[in-house]
Amino acid sequence: MNANGFRDALYTIIFEANTPSGKAFDVALFATIGVSVTAIMLESVPSIAAHQGASQWFKAIELITTLLFTIEYVLRLWCSPKPGPYARSFYGVIDLVSTLPFYLAVLFPTTGTLAVIRALRLLRIFRVLKLSRFLVEGNLLWQSLLRSSRKIGVFLFTVVLLCVIMGTIMYTVEGPDNGFSSIPLSIYWAIVTLTTVGYGDIAPGTVLGQFLASAIMIMGYAIIAVPTGIVTVDLATTTNRKESKLKTCENCGNSCSKDANYCPQCGTEFPLND
């Protein structure tokens, strides 16, 4: 088999989930991801990590799985029709980022646990289970968030100003005697109260302070609904737009025309029944 033939065969195994070899590759990939993520989580449990030899096992699993993911990423770039666009795509970035924590841990040991981010690679299960239509809906939601970003940005800026003002007022009303020892700490209290989290580590002690706190709590319920309403309105108007007639590439997540046979970004061929 020549180089081009081997490259095409490798592309079929790695990128196409409709073939027996492609399905077997994806199942093996998911199993490897599951083992890697489980090992990372178990390593953080003191009672398990304290066992003799457990640490060595976890490090061995992490080393082997990271090497496998690195080789897989290089092969994906090599056999992809358009390596550059694939590397910049959603799945391409996830594939790269999932291998970086292991290498960064050499310089920054505490970053090793960030390898759990490779669990995001399990999103590829959508293409294995023929759930690509959910990827289309996911893209519509993401595009609605992008279109609403300016409105949400203005809203968040207003909320920040409100928290600064409310925090400063509470610092003036309550003072250090009731736990509001500084304006930044009072702003922290305002954020916790406005978002209805309510840790309870700081609480007003005066009648006026309790009245202001009650007003902020009630205001929080109205504020939480605003960004939800902004995105919902955009989603409602999107259903009749051109985006609703798009299909999504299962390999890179790019939105393509319904009539396209190949993804214009990564070059992946769409199944005939799409």
C-alpha atoms as a PDB file:
ATOM      1  CA  MET A   1       0.000   0.000   0.000  1.00  0.00           C
ATOM      2  CA  ASN A   2       1.420   3.391  -1.007  1.00  0.00           C
ATOM      3  CA  ALA A   3       1.459   6.464   1.213  1.00  0.00           C
ATOM      4  CA  ASN A   4      -1.749   7.910  -0.264  1.00  0.00           C
ATOM      5  CA  GLY A   5      -3.576   4.622   0.139  1.00  0.00           C
ATOM      6  CA  PHE A   6      -2.460   4.305   3.753  1.00  0.00           C
ATOM      7  CA  ARG A   7      -3.471   7.915   4.383  1.00  0.00           C
ATOM      8  CA  ASP A   8      -6.947   7.314   2.961  1.00  0.00           C
ATOM      9  CA  ALA A   9      -7.361   4.149   4.996  1.00  0.00           C
ATOM     10  CA  LEU A  10      -6.267   5.968   8.136  1.00  0.00           C
ATOM     11  CA  TYR A  11      -8.698   8.783   7.377  1.00  0.00           C
ATOM     12  CA  THR A  12     -11.541   6.266   7.127  1.00  0.00           C
ATOM     13  CA  ILE A  13     -10.641   4.780  10.502  1.00  0.00           C
ATOM     14  CA  ILE A  14     -10.155   8.045  12.363  1.00  0.00           C
ATOM     15  CA  PHE A  15     -12.743  10.366  10.850  1.00  0.00           C
ATOM     16  CA  GLU A  16     -15.555   8.179   9.543  1.00  0.00           C
ATOM     17  CA  ALA A  17     -17.841   6.652  12.167  1.00  0.00           C
ATOM     18  CA  ASN A  18     -20.071   4.920   9.593  1.00  0.00           C
ATOM     19  CA  THR A  19     -17.563   2.133   8.927  1.00  0.00           C
ATOM     20  CA  PRO A  20     -16.879  -0.862  11.223  1.00  0.00           C
ATOM     21  CA  SER A  21     -13.249   0.206  11.649  1.00  0.00           C
ATOM     22  CA  GLY A  22     -14.309   3.781  12.406  1.00  0.00           C
ATOM     23  CA  LYS A  23     -16.803   2.649  15.023  1.00  0.00           C
ATOM     24  CA  ALA A  24     -14.219   0.375  16.635  1.00  0.00           C
ATOM     25  CA  PHE A  25     -11.719   3.251  16.734  1.00  0.00           C
ATOM     26  CA  ASP A  26     -14.253   5.569  18.379  1.00  0.00           C
ATOM     27  CA  VAL A  27     -15.208   2.961  20.980  1.00  0.00           C
ATOM     28  CA  ALA A  28     -11.531   2.397  21.803  1.00  0.00           C
ATOM     29  CA  LEU A  29     -11.022   6.169  22.003  1.00  0.00           C
ATOM     30  CA  PHE A  30     -13.930   6.613  24.413  1.00  0.00           C
ATOM     31  CA  ALA A  31     -12.676   3.760  26.581  1.00  0.00           C
ATOM     32  CA  THR A  32      -9.199   5.307  26.734  1.00  0.00           C
ATOM     33  CA  ILE A  33     -10.651   8.704  27.638  1.00  0.00           C
ATOM     34  CA  GLY A  34     -12.763   7.089  30.363  1.00  0.00           C
ATOM     35  CA  VAL A  35      -9.757   5.292  31.863  1.00  0.00           C
ATOM     36  CA  SER A  36      -7.652   8.462  31.774  1.00  0.00           C
ATOM     37  CA  VAL A  37     -10.303  10.709  33.358  1.00  0.00           C
ATOM     38  CA  THR A  38     -11.126   8.116  36.020  1.00  0.00           C
ATOM     39  CA  ALA A  39      -7.451   7.750  36.940  1.00  0.00           C
ATOM     40  CA  ILE A  40      -7.051  11.533  37.275  1.00  0.00           C
ATOM     41  CA  MET A  41     -10.072  11.767  39.582  1.00  0.00           C
ATOM     42  CA  LEU A  42      -9.073   8.783  41.721  1.00  0.00           C
ATOM     43  CA  GLU A  43      -5.558  10.142  42.108  1.00  0.00           C
ATOM     44  CA  SER A  44      -7.016  13.163  43.923  1.00  0.00           C
ATOM     45  CA  VAL A  45      -8.660  10.960  46.576  1.00  0.00           C
ATOM     46  CA  PRO A  46      -6.221  10.820  49.548  1.00  0.00           C
ATOM     47  CA  SER A  47      -7.344   7.397  50.775  1.00  0.00           C
ATOM     48  CA  ILE A  48      -6.730   5.844  47.352  1.00  0.00           C
ATOM     49  CA  ALA A  49      -3.533   7.726  46.506  1.00  0.00           C
ATOM     50  CA  ALA A  50      -2.064   6.706  49.903  1.00  0.00           C
ATOM     51  CA  HIS A  51      -1.940   3.031  48.920  1.00  0.00           C
ATOM     52  CA  GLN A  52       1.514   1.758  48.091  1.00  0.00           C
ATOM     53  CA  GLY A  53       2.133   1.723  44.356  1.00  0.00           C
ATOM     54  CA  ALA A  54      -1.112   3.548  43.492  1.00  0.00           C
ATOM     55  CA  SER A  55       0.715   6.726  42.541  1.00  0.00           C
ATOM     56  CA  GLN A  56       2.981   4.851  40.128  1.00  0.00           C
ATOM     57  CA  TRP A  57      -0.036   3.202  38.494  1.00  0.00           C
ATOM     58  CA  PHE A  58      -1.786   6.519  38.027  1.00  0.00           C
ATOM     59  CA  LYS A  59       1.336   8.111  36.547  1.00  0.00           C
ATOM     60  CA  ALA A  60       1.788   5.168  34.188  1.00  0.00           C
ATOM     61  CA  ILE A  61      -1.821   5.420  33.014  1.00  0.00           C
ATOM     62  CA  GLU A  62      -1.460   9.154  32.472  1.00  0.00           C
ATOM     63  CA  LEU A  63       1.796   8.697  30.534  1.00  0.00           C
ATOM     64  CA  ILE A  64       0.428   5.970  28.270  1.00  0.00           C
ATOM     65  CA  THR A  65      -2.901   7.670  27.540  1.00  0.00           C
ATOM     66  CA  THR A  66      -1.233  11.030  26.859  1.00  0.00           C
ATOM     67  CA  LEU A  67       1.170   9.428  24.406  1.00  0.00           C
ATOM     68  CA  LEU A  68      -1.750   7.716  22.667  1.00  0.00           C
ATOM     69  CA  PHE A  69      -3.689  10.981  22.438  1.00  0.00           C
ATOM     70  CA  THR A  70      -0.611  12.802  21.135  1.00  0.00           C
ATOM     71  CA  ILE A  71      -0.043  10.201  18.418  1.00  0.00           C
ATOM     72  CA  GLU A  72      -3.737  10.290  17.537  1.00  0.00           C
ATOM     73  CA  TYR A  73      -3.688  14.096  17.217  1.00  0.00           C
ATOM     74  CA  VAL A  74      -0.651  14.003  14.936  1.00  0.00           C
ATOM     75  CA  LEU A  75      -2.297  11.318  12.771  1.00  0.00           C
ATOM     76  CA  ARG A  76      -5.491  13.384  12.552  1.00  0.00           C
ATOM     77  CA  LEU A  77      -3.484  16.317  11.229  1.00  0.00           C
ATOM     78  CA  TRP A  78      -1.565  14.120   8.816  1.00  0.00           C
ATOM     79  CA  CYS A  79      -4.548  12.403   7.208  1.00  0.00           C
ATOM     80  CA  SER A  80      -6.962  15.347   7.318  1.00  0.00           C
ATOM     81  CA  PRO A  81      -7.662  16.918   3.882  1.00  0.00           C
ATOM     82  CA  LYS A  82      -7.310  20.365   5.482  1.00  0.00           C
ATOM     83  CA  PRO A  83      -5.053  20.126   8.567  1.00  0.00           C
ATOM     84  CA  GLY A  84      -5.048  23.869   9.321  1.00  0.00           C
ATOM     85  CA  PRO A  85      -8.815  24.371   9.476  1.00  0.00           C
ATOM     86  CA  TYR A  86      -9.203  21.145  11.448  1.00  0.00           C
ATOM     87  CA  ALA A  87      -6.597  22.261  14.008  1.00  0.00           C
ATOM     88  CA  ARG A  88      -8.503  25.536  14.491  1.00  0.00           C
ATOM     89  CA  SER A  89     -11.903  23.849  14.735  1.00  0.00           C
ATOM     90  CA  PHE A  90     -13.696  23.114  17.997  1.00  0.00           C
ATOM     91  CA  TYR A  91     -12.755  19.436  18.089  1.00  0.00           C
ATOM     92  CA  GLY A  92      -9.240  20.170  16.875  1.00  0.00           C
ATOM     93  CA  VAL A  93      -8.633  22.586  19.743  1.00  0.00           C
ATOM     94  CA  ILE A  94     -10.091  20.110  22.249  1.00  0.00           C
ATOM     95  CA  ASP A  95      -7.843  17.348  20.885  1.00  0.00           C
ATOM     96  CA  LEU A  96      -4.787  19.566  21.331  1.00  0.00           C
ATOM     97  CA  VAL A  97      -5.720  20.971  24.745  1.00  0.00           C
ATOM     98  CA  SER A  98      -6.382  17.481  26.120  1.00  0.00           C
ATOM     99  CA  THR A  99      -2.692  16.609  25.710  1.00  0.00           C
ATOM    100  CA  LEU A 100      -1.125  19.866  26.923  1.00  0.00           C
ATOM    101  CA  PRO A 101      -1.632  19.519  30.738  1.00  0.00           C
ATOM    102  CA  PHE A 102       0.666  16.496  30.890  1.00  0.00           C
ATOM    103  CA  TYR A 103       3.506  18.402  29.232  1.00  0.00           C
ATOM    104  CA  LEU A 104       2.806  21.589  31.198  1.00  0.00           C
ATOM    105  CA  ALA A 105       2.995  19.568  34.421  1.00  0.00           C
ATOM    106  CA  VAL A 106       6.721  19.178  33.791  1.00  0.00           C
ATOM    107  CA  LEU A 107       7.114  22.907  34.449  1.00  0.00           C
ATOM    108  CA  PHE A 108       4.001  23.482  36.567  1.00  0.00           C
ATOM    109  CA  PRO A 109       3.157  20.307  38.535  1.00  0.00           C
ATOM    110  CA  THR A 110      -0.192  21.626  39.783  1.00  0.00           C
ATOM    111  CA  THR A 111      -1.566  21.808  36.211  1.00  0.00           C
ATOM    112  CA  GLY A 112      -1.517  18.037  35.802  1.00  0.00           C
ATOM    113  CA  THR A 113      -5.093  17.615  37.028  1.00  0.00           C
ATOM    114  CA  LEU A 114      -6.299  19.881  34.210  1.00  0.00           C
ATOM    115  CA  ALA A 115      -5.981  16.839  31.959  1.00  0.00           C
ATOM    116  CA  VAL A 116      -9.529  16.009  33.062  1.00  0.00           C
ATOM    117  CA  ILE A 117     -10.564  18.467  30.341  1.00  0.00           C
ATOM    118  CA  ARG A 118     -10.068  15.639  27.882  1.00  0.00           C
ATOM    119  CA  ALA A 119     -13.505  14.430  28.986  1.00  0.00           C
ATOM    120  CA  LEU A 120     -14.783  17.000  26.467  1.00  0.00           C
ATOM    121  CA  ARG A 121     -13.582  14.645  23.758  1.00  0.00           C
ATOM    122  CA  LEU A 122     -16.509  12.429  24.665  1.00  0.00           C
ATOM    123  CA  LEU A 123     -18.633  14.914  22.708  1.00  0.00           C
ATOM    124  CA  ARG A 124     -17.649  12.875  19.669  1.00  0.00           C
ATOM    125  CA  ILE A 125     -20.198  10.332  20.842  1.00  0.00           C
ATOM    126  CA  PHE A 126     -22.797  12.460  19.031  1.00  0.00           C
ATOM    127  CA  ARG A 127     -21.516  11.313  15.665  1.00  0.00           C
ATOM    128  CA  VAL A 128     -21.195   7.681  16.749  1.00  0.00           C
ATOM    129  CA  LEU A 129     -24.807   7.566  17.932  1.00  0.00           C
ATOM    130  CA  LYS A 130     -26.064   9.472  14.866  1.00  0.00           C
ATOM    131  CA  LEU A 131     -27.054  12.485  16.949  1.00  0.00           C
ATOM    132  CA  SER A 132     -25.618  15.137  14.645  1.00  0.00           C
ATOM    133  CA  ARG A 133     -28.933  17.002  14.675  1.00  0.00           C
ATOM    134  CA  PHE A 134     -28.152  17.924  18.284  1.00  0.00           C
ATOM    135  CA  LEU A 135     -24.904  19.482  17.090  1.00  0.00           C
ATOM    136  CA  VAL A 136     -26.954  21.684  14.758  1.00  0.00           C
ATOM    137  CA  GLU A 137     -29.089  22.823  17.686  1.00  0.00           C
ATOM    138  CA  GLY A 138     -25.959  23.422  19.716  1.00  0.00           C
ATOM    139  CA  ASN A 139     -24.566  25.622  16.953  1.00  0.00           C
ATOM    140  CA  LEU A 140     -27.805  27.609  16.821  1.00  0.00           C
ATOM    141  CA  LEU A 141     -27.584  28.214  20.568  1.00  0.00           C
ATOM    142  CA  TRP A 142     -23.927  29.262  20.299  1.00  0.00           C
ATOM    143  CA  GLN A 143     -24.676  31.659  17.437  1.00  0.00           C
ATOM    144  CA  SER A 144     -27.555  33.155  19.426  1.00  0.00           C
ATOM    145  CA  LEU A 145     -25.205  33.747  22.340  1.00  0.00           C
ATOM    146  CA  LEU A 146     -22.707  35.461  20.029  1.00  0.00           C
ATOM    147  CA  ARG A 147     -25.387  37.688  18.510  1.00  0.00           C
ATOM    148  CA  SER A 148     -26.628  38.595  21.994  1.00  0.00           C
ATOM    149  CA  SER A 149     -23.140  39.170  23.415  1.00  0.00           C
ATOM    150  CA  ARG A 150     -23.310  42.985  23.186  1.00  0.00           C
ATOM    151  CA  LYS A 151     -26.646  43.166  24.968  1.00  0.00           C
ATOM    152  CA  ILE A 152     -25.468  40.734  27.620  1.00  0.00           C
ATOM    153  CA  GLY A 153     -22.211  42.694  27.968  1.00  0.00           C
ATOM    154  CA  VAL A 154     -24.099  45.935  28.622  1.00  0.00           C
ATOM    155  CA  PHE A 155     -26.319  44.103  31.100  1.00  0.00           C
ATOM    156  CA  LEU A 156     -23.349  42.631  32.986  1.00  0.00           C
ATOM    157  CA  PHE A 157     -21.625  46.018  33.099  1.00  0.00           C
ATOM    158  CA  THR A 158     -24.792  47.479  34.647  1.00  0.00           C
ATOM    159  CA  VAL A 159     -24.894  44.667  37.202  1.00  0.00           C
ATOM    160  CA  VAL A 160     -21.254  45.289  38.150  1.00  0.00           C
ATOM    161  CA  LEU A 161     -21.953  48.995  38.686  1.00  0.00           C
ATOM    162  CA  LEU A 162     -25.002  48.102  40.764  1.00  0.00           C
ATOM    163  CA  CYS A 163     -22.940  45.774  42.958  1.00  0.00           C
ATOM    164  CA  VAL A 164     -20.267  48.444  43.457  1.00  0.00           C
ATOM    165  CA  ILE A 165     -22.886  51.018  44.466  1.00  0.00           C
ATOM    166  CA  MET A 166     -24.804  48.638  46.733  1.00  0.00           C
ATOM    167  CA  GLY A 167     -21.597  47.369  48.332  1.00  0.00           C
ATOM    168  CA  THR A 168     -20.415  50.890  49.049  1.00  0.00           C
ATOM    169  CA  ILE A 169     -23.786  51.832  50.565  1.00  0.00           C
ATOM    170  CA  MET A 170     -23.757  48.723  52.788  1.00  0.00           C
ATOM    171  CA  TYR A 171     -20.226  49.548  53.925  1.00  0.00           C
ATOM    172  CA  THR A 172     -21.440  53.005  54.921  1.00  0.00           C
ATOM    173  CA  VAL A 173     -24.591  51.713  56.649  1.00  0.00           C
ATOM    174  CA  GLU A 174     -23.176  48.635  58.422  1.00  0.00           C
ATOM    175  CA  GLY A 175     -19.481  49.347  58.897  1.00  0.00           C
ATOM    176  CA  PRO A 176     -16.765  47.072  60.339  1.00  0.00           C
ATOM    177  CA  ASP A 177     -18.796  46.306  63.469  1.00  0.00           C
ATOM    178  CA  ASN A 178     -21.157  44.088  61.438  1.00  0.00           C
ATOM    179  CA  GLY A 179     -18.496  42.432  59.297  1.00  0.00           C
ATOM    180  CA  PHE A 180     -18.384  44.947  56.431  1.00  0.00           C
ATOM    181  CA  SER A 181     -14.748  45.818  57.080  1.00  0.00           C
ATOM    182  CA  SER A 182     -13.936  47.184  53.604  1.00  0.00           C
ATOM    183  CA  ILE A 183     -15.624  48.284  50.406  1.00  0.00           C
ATOM    184  CA  PRO A 184     -14.267  45.332  48.346  1.00  0.00           C
ATOM    185  CA  LEU A 185     -15.610  42.915  50.977  1.00  0.00           C
ATOM    186  CA  SER A 186     -18.949  44.739  50.889  1.00  0.00           C
ATOM    187  CA  ILE A 187     -19.012  44.465  47.083  1.00  0.00           C
ATOM    188  CA  TYR A 188     -18.377  40.728  47.443  1.00  0.00           C
ATOM    189  CA  TRP A 189     -21.399  40.552  49.769  1.00  0.00           C
ATOM    190  CA  ALA A 190     -23.504  42.476  47.232  1.00  0.00           C
ATOM    191  CA  ILE A 191     -22.545  40.052  44.443  1.00  0.00           C
ATOM    192  CA  VAL A 192     -23.356  37.019  46.597  1.00  0.00           C
ATOM    193  CA  THR A 193     -26.689  38.528  47.629  1.00  0.00           C
ATOM    194  CA  LEU A 194     -27.705  39.802  44.173  1.00  0.00           C
ATOM    195  CA  THR A 195     -27.068  36.400  42.604  1.00  0.00           C
ATOM    196  CA  THR A 196     -29.176  34.790  45.387  1.00  0.00           C
ATOM    197  CA  VAL A 197     -26.258  32.541  46.377  1.00  0.00           C
ATOM    198  CA  GLY A 198     -26.300  33.682  49.999  1.00  0.00           C
ATOM    199  CA  TYR A 199     -23.264  32.126  51.696  1.00  0.00           C
ATOM    200  CA  GLY A 200     -24.185  33.790  54.983  1.00  0.00           C
ATOM    201  CA  ASP A 201     -20.587  34.548  55.975  1.00  0.00           C
ATOM    202  CA  ILE A 202     -21.510  38.249  56.183  1.00  0.00           C
ATOM    203  CA  ALA A 203     -24.949  39.501  57.226  1.00  0.00           C
ATOM    204  CA  PRO A 204     -26.326  42.992  57.959  1.00  0.00           C
ATOM    205  CA  GLY A 205     -27.117  43.769  61.580  1.00  0.00           C
ATOM    206  CA  THR A 206     -29.054  47.028  61.322  1.00  0.00           C
ATOM    207  CA  VAL A 207     -32.664  47.504  60.266  1.00  0.00           C
ATOM    208  CA  LEU A 208     -31.683  49.728  57.340  1.00  0.00           C
ATOM    209  CA  GLY A 209     -29.045  47.223  56.225  1.00  0.00           C
ATOM    210  CA  GLN A 210     -31.547  44.360  56.365  1.00  0.00           C
ATOM    211  CA  PHE A 211     -34.029  46.402  54.330  1.00  0.00           C
ATOM    212  CA  LEU A 212     -31.400  47.089  51.652  1.00  0.00           C
ATOM    213  CA  ALA A 213     -30.391  43.421  51.649  1.00  0.00           C
ATOM    214  CA  SER A 214     -34.027  42.396  51.127  1.00  0.00           C
ATOM    215  CA  ALA A 215     -34.316  44.811  48.199  1.00  0.00           C
ATOM    216  CA  ILE A 216     -31.145  43.405  46.616  1.00  0.00           C
ATOM    217  CA  MET A 217     -32.397  39.815  47.021  1.00  0.00           C
ATOM    218  CA  ILE A 218     -35.705  40.573  45.308  1.00  0.00           C
ATOM    219  CA  MET A 219     -33.874  42.497  42.582  1.00  0.00           C
ATOM    220  CA  GLY A 220     -31.684  39.438  42.018  1.00  0.00           C
ATOM    221  CA  TYR A 221     -34.596  37.318  40.808  1.00  0.00           C
ATOM    222  CA  ALA A 222     -35.479  39.892  38.150  1.00  0.00           C
ATOM    223  CA  ILE A 223     -31.866  40.323  37.063  1.00  0.00           C
ATOM    224  CA  ILE A 224     -31.275  36.596  36.562  1.00  0.00           C
ATOM    225  CA  ALA A 225     -34.143  36.453  34.043  1.00  0.00           C
ATOM    226  CA  VAL A 226     -32.765  39.223  31.798  1.00  0.00           C
ATOM    227  CA  PRO A 227     -29.938  37.365  29.952  1.00  0.00           C
ATOM    228  CA  THR A 228     -32.175  34.311  29.613  1.00  0.00           C
ATOM    229  CA  GLY A 229     -34.827  36.449  27.942  1.00  0.00           C
ATOM    230  CA  ILE A 230     -32.293  38.049  25.582  1.00  0.00           C
ATOM    231  CA  VAL A 231     -31.034  34.696  24.300  1.00  0.00           C
ATOM    232  CA  THR A 232     -34.548  33.201  24.162  1.00  0.00           C
ATOM    233  CA  VAL A 233     -35.811  36.009  21.924  1.00  0.00           C
ATOM    234  CA  ASP A 234     -32.895  35.546  19.535  1.00  0.00           C
ATOM    235  CA  LEU A 235     -33.439  31.777  19.441  1.00  0.00           C
ATOM    236  CA  ALA A 236     -37.133  32.262  18.683  1.00  0.00           C
ATOM    237  CA  THR A 237     -36.351  34.486  15.699  1.00  0.00           C
ATOM    238  CA  THR A 238     -33.588  32.169  14.492  1.00  0.00           C
ATOM    239  CA  THR A 239     -35.911  29.236  13.829  1.00  0.00           C
ATOM    240  CA  ASN A 240     -37.148  30.895  10.632  1.00  0.00           C
ATOM    241  CA  ARG A 241     -33.704  31.929   9.448  1.00  0.00           C
ATOM    242  CA  LYS A 242     -31.293  30.243   7.112  1.00  0.00           C
ATOM    243  CA  GLU A 243     -29.324  28.703  10.028  1.00  0.00           C
ATOM    244  CA  SER A 244     -32.189  26.341  10.764  1.00  0.00           C
ATOM    245  CA  LYS A 245     -31.580  24.737   7.339  1.00  0.00           C
ATOM    246  CA  LEU A 246     -27.908  24.073   7.976  1.00  0.00           C
ATOM    247  CA  LYS A 247     -26.193  20.851   8.932  1.00  0.00           C
ATOM    248  CA  THR A 248     -23.168  20.511  11.158  1.00  0.00           C
ATOM    249  CA  CYS A 249     -19.914  18.701  10.411  1.00  0.00           C
ATOM    250  CA  GLU A 250     -19.494  15.952  12.982  1.00  0.00           C
ATOM    251  CA  ASN A 251     -15.704  16.221  12.914  1.00  0.00           C
ATOM    252  CA  CYS A 252     -15.063  19.955  13.297  1.00  0.00           C
ATOM    253  CA  GLY A 253     -18.483  21.321  14.336  1.00  0.00           C
ATOM    254  CA  ASN A 254     -18.682  23.787  11.428  1.00  0.00           C
ATOM    255  CA  SER A 255     -22.124  24.754  10.084  1.00  0.00           C
ATOM    256  CA  CYS A 256     -22.523  23.965   6.400  1.00  0.00           C
ATOM    257  CA  SER A 257     -25.181  24.266   3.742  1.00  0.00           C
ATOM    258  CA  LYS A 258     -27.768  21.511   3.720  1.00  0.00           C
ATOM    259  CA  ASP A 259     -26.823  20.693   0.123  1.00  0.00           C
ATOM    260  CA  ALA A 260     -23.074  20.460   0.770  1.00  0.00           C
ATOM    261  CA  ASN A 261     -21.367  17.114   0.204  1.00  0.00           C
ATOM    262  CA  TYR A 262     -18.137  18.118   1.932  1.00  0.00           C
ATOM    263  CA  CYS A 263     -17.372  20.351   4.901  1.00  0.00           C
ATOM    264  CA  PRO A 264     -15.785  23.557   3.524  1.00  0.00           C
ATOM    265  CA  GLN A 265     -13.662  23.899   6.666  1.00  0.00           C
ATOM    266  CA  CYS A 266     -12.097  20.473   7.230  1.00  0.00           C
ATOM    267  CA  GLY A 267     -13.027  18.645   4.005  1.00  0.00           C
ATOM    268  CA  THR A 268     -14.958  15.835   5.716  1.00  0.00           C
ATOM    269  CA  GLU A 269     -17.425  14.056   3.427  1.00  0.00           C
ATOM    270  CA  PHE A 270     -21.032  14.054   4.593  1.00  0.00           C
ATOM    271  CA  PRO A 271     -23.018  10.792   4.562  1.00  0.00           C
ATOM    272  CA  LEU A 272     -25.377  10.506   1.609  1.00  0.00           C
ATOM    273  CA  ASN A 273     -28.433  10.245   3.884  1.00  0.00           C
ATOM    274  CA  ASP A 274     -27.788  13.649   5.534  1.00  0.00           C
END
